[in-house]
Amino acid sequence: MVVFAGLALVSGLVVNKRQAKQLVELETKLEQQREVTAKAEVRLEEIRQKQEPRTLDIEAFRSALKDKPKCDVEIVYQPNDNEAYLFANAIMLGLHDWARPSVPAPSSIEAITDEILESLDPRKDKPEEATSF
C-alpha cells in the first residue's frame, strides 16, 4: 500500500509539473493574443477616424487667414459625395468674410470639367455647315 501511495504521489507530482508547464504556455499565448488584440483595436480606431466626415474649425481657419491678402477663390468638390459637399461648404463659410468680394457656393468638379471640355472644343467657334442630301 505504501508503494501505491508513493507511486500515486510521484504520478501526481509529474501531472502537476505538466499542468504547470501547460499553464505557463497558455498564459504566454494569452498575453500574445492580448497584444495582437490591442494592436488591432488601435488600428481599427485609426480606420474609424479616417472614415468620419472631415471637420473644419471655422474660427481657427478664419484666424489663420485674418491678416492674409484677399483673393478670388473657387471651391470644387467630388460629385455625388455628400461628405465632400459638406466639407466644401464648411470651407466656404470659413472664407465668407475673407475672400473678395464673396465666395460662390462650391461647384461640383464634374460641372467644372464639362466647362473646360466645352472651352477646348475646336468646333465651338465654327459655324455649323449645312448638310445636303
Protein backbone atom coordinates (compact mmCIF):
# COMPACT_ATOMS: atom_id res chain seq x y z
CA MET A 1 0.00 0.00 0.00
CA VAL A 2 2.86 2.35 0.77
CA VAL A 3 4.28 1.58 -2.66
CA PHE A 4 0.98 2.53 -4.29
CA ALA A 5 0.78 5.71 -2.25
CA GLY A 6 4.35 6.60 -3.22
CA LEU A 7 3.60 5.81 -6.84
CA ALA A 8 0.44 7.93 -6.70
CA LEU A 9 2.41 10.77 -5.13
CA VAL A 10 5.12 10.65 -7.80
CA SER A 11 2.49 10.35 -10.51
CA GLY A 12 0.62 13.34 -9.04
CA LEU A 13 3.83 15.40 -9.00
CA VAL A 14 4.51 14.58 -12.65
CA VAL A 15 0.95 15.55 -13.61
CA ASN A 16 1.20 18.78 -11.59
CA LYS A 17 4.51 19.62 -13.27
CA ARG A 18 2.98 19.04 -16.74
CA GLN A 19 -0.07 21.12 -15.85
CA ALA A 20 2.13 23.93 -14.52
CA LYS A 21 4.12 23.90 -17.77
CA GLN A 22 0.89 23.93 -19.82
CA LEU A 23 -0.45 26.76 -17.69
CA VAL A 24 2.68 28.85 -18.33
CA GLU A 25 2.41 28.14 -22.08
CA LEU A 26 -1.28 29.10 -22.10
CA GLU A 27 -0.59 32.29 -20.14
CA THR A 28 2.16 33.20 -22.64
CA LYS A 29 -0.18 32.58 -25.59
CA LEU A 30 -2.92 34.58 -23.87
CA GLU A 31 -0.54 37.51 -23.38
CA GLN A 32 0.50 37.35 -27.03
CA GLN A 33 -3.15 37.34 -28.09
CA ARG A 34 -3.84 40.34 -25.85
CA GLU A 35 -1.02 42.22 -27.59
CA VAL A 36 -2.40 41.29 -31.03
CA THR A 37 -5.89 42.37 -29.93
CA ALA A 38 -4.61 45.69 -28.55
CA LYS A 39 -2.79 46.44 -31.83
CA ALA A 40 -5.89 45.51 -33.82
CA GLU A 41 -8.06 47.79 -31.68
CA VAL A 42 -5.66 50.71 -32.22
CA ARG A 43 -5.68 50.10 -35.99
CA LEU A 44 -9.46 49.80 -36.03
CA GLU A 45 -9.77 53.15 -34.24
CA GLU A 46 -7.42 54.75 -36.79
CA ILE A 47 -9.55 53.41 -39.64
CA ARG A 48 -12.78 54.53 -37.95
CA GLN A 49 -11.41 58.06 -37.54
CA LYS A 50 -10.44 58.19 -41.21
CA GLN A 51 -13.98 57.25 -42.21
CA GLU A 52 -15.59 60.01 -40.18
CA PRO A 53 -16.56 63.18 -42.01
CA ARG A 54 -13.88 65.85 -42.12
CA THR A 55 -14.48 68.87 -39.95
CA LEU A 56 -13.17 72.40 -40.04
CA ASP A 57 -12.61 74.63 -37.05
CA ILE A 58 -14.03 77.71 -38.76
CA GLU A 59 -12.84 80.17 -36.12
CA ALA A 60 -9.27 78.83 -36.25
CA PHE A 61 -9.44 78.87 -40.05
CA ARG A 62 -10.60 82.49 -40.09
CA SER A 63 -7.99 83.44 -37.51
CA ALA A 64 -5.24 81.92 -39.68
CA LEU A 65 -6.44 83.99 -42.67
CA LYS A 66 -7.00 87.21 -40.72
CA ASP A 67 -4.03 89.25 -41.97
CA LYS A 68 -3.51 87.46 -45.26
CA PRO A 69 -4.17 89.22 -48.58
CA LYS A 70 -7.57 88.57 -50.12
CA CYS A 71 -8.03 86.81 -53.44
CA ASP A 72 -10.63 85.15 -55.59
CA VAL A 73 -11.50 81.64 -54.52
CA GLU A 74 -13.30 78.79 -56.22
CA ILE A 75 -14.16 75.66 -54.28
CA VAL A 76 -14.86 72.40 -56.08
CA TYR A 77 -15.81 69.02 -54.70
CA GLN A 78 -16.26 65.47 -55.93
CA PRO A 79 -19.80 64.98 -57.31
CA ASN A 80 -22.17 62.58 -55.57
CA ASP A 81 -20.12 62.76 -52.39
CA ASN A 82 -22.12 64.23 -49.52
CA GLU A 83 -19.12 64.38 -47.20
CA ALA A 84 -17.08 66.34 -49.78
CA TYR A 85 -20.03 68.68 -50.37
CA LEU A 86 -20.45 69.39 -46.65
CA PHE A 87 -16.71 69.96 -46.19
CA ALA A 88 -16.64 72.31 -49.20
CA ASN A 89 -19.50 74.28 -47.63
CA ALA A 90 -17.62 74.48 -44.32
CA ILE A 91 -14.64 75.93 -46.20
CA MET A 92 -16.98 78.39 -47.93
CA LEU A 93 -18.31 79.54 -44.56
CA GLY A 94 -14.77 79.91 -43.26
CA LEU A 95 -13.82 82.05 -46.25
CA HIS A 96 -17.01 84.09 -46.30
CA ASP A 97 -15.61 87.24 -44.66
CA TRP A 98 -12.11 86.82 -46.06
CA ALA A 99 -12.38 86.25 -49.81
CA ARG A 100 -13.21 89.05 -52.18
CA PRO A 101 -15.96 90.01 -52.72
CA SER A 102 -17.52 86.78 -51.57
CA VAL A 103 -17.03 83.10 -52.13
CA PRO A 104 -19.50 81.49 -54.52
CA ALA A 105 -21.16 78.26 -53.49
CA PRO A 106 -18.99 75.20 -54.11
CA SER A 107 -19.27 73.64 -57.56
CA SER A 108 -19.19 70.01 -58.46
CA ILE A 109 -15.88 69.14 -60.11
CA GLU A 110 -17.95 67.42 -62.77
CA ALA A 111 -19.53 70.75 -63.79
CA ILE A 112 -16.11 72.42 -63.93
CA THR A 113 -14.76 69.60 -66.09
CA ASP A 114 -17.67 70.00 -68.52
CA GLU A 115 -16.97 73.75 -68.80
CA ILE A 116 -13.28 73.11 -69.50
CA LEU A 117 -14.06 70.48 -72.14
CA GLU A 118 -16.52 72.82 -73.84
CA SER A 119 -13.95 75.62 -73.92
CA LEU A 120 -11.41 73.28 -75.56
CA ASP A 121 -13.82 72.03 -78.24
CA PRO A 122 -12.40 73.18 -81.63
CA ARG A 123 -15.90 73.18 -83.15
CA LYS A 124 -17.09 75.75 -80.64
CA ASP A 125 -16.28 78.86 -82.71
CA LYS A 126 -17.02 77.37 -86.16
CA PRO A 127 -20.49 77.78 -87.64
CA GLU A 128 -22.25 74.52 -88.36
CA GLU A 129 -22.14 73.58 -92.02
CA ALA A 130 -25.35 72.72 -93.76
CA THR A 131 -25.61 69.17 -94.87
CA SER A 132 -27.39 68.45 -98.12
CA PHE A 133 -28.86 65.13 -99.06
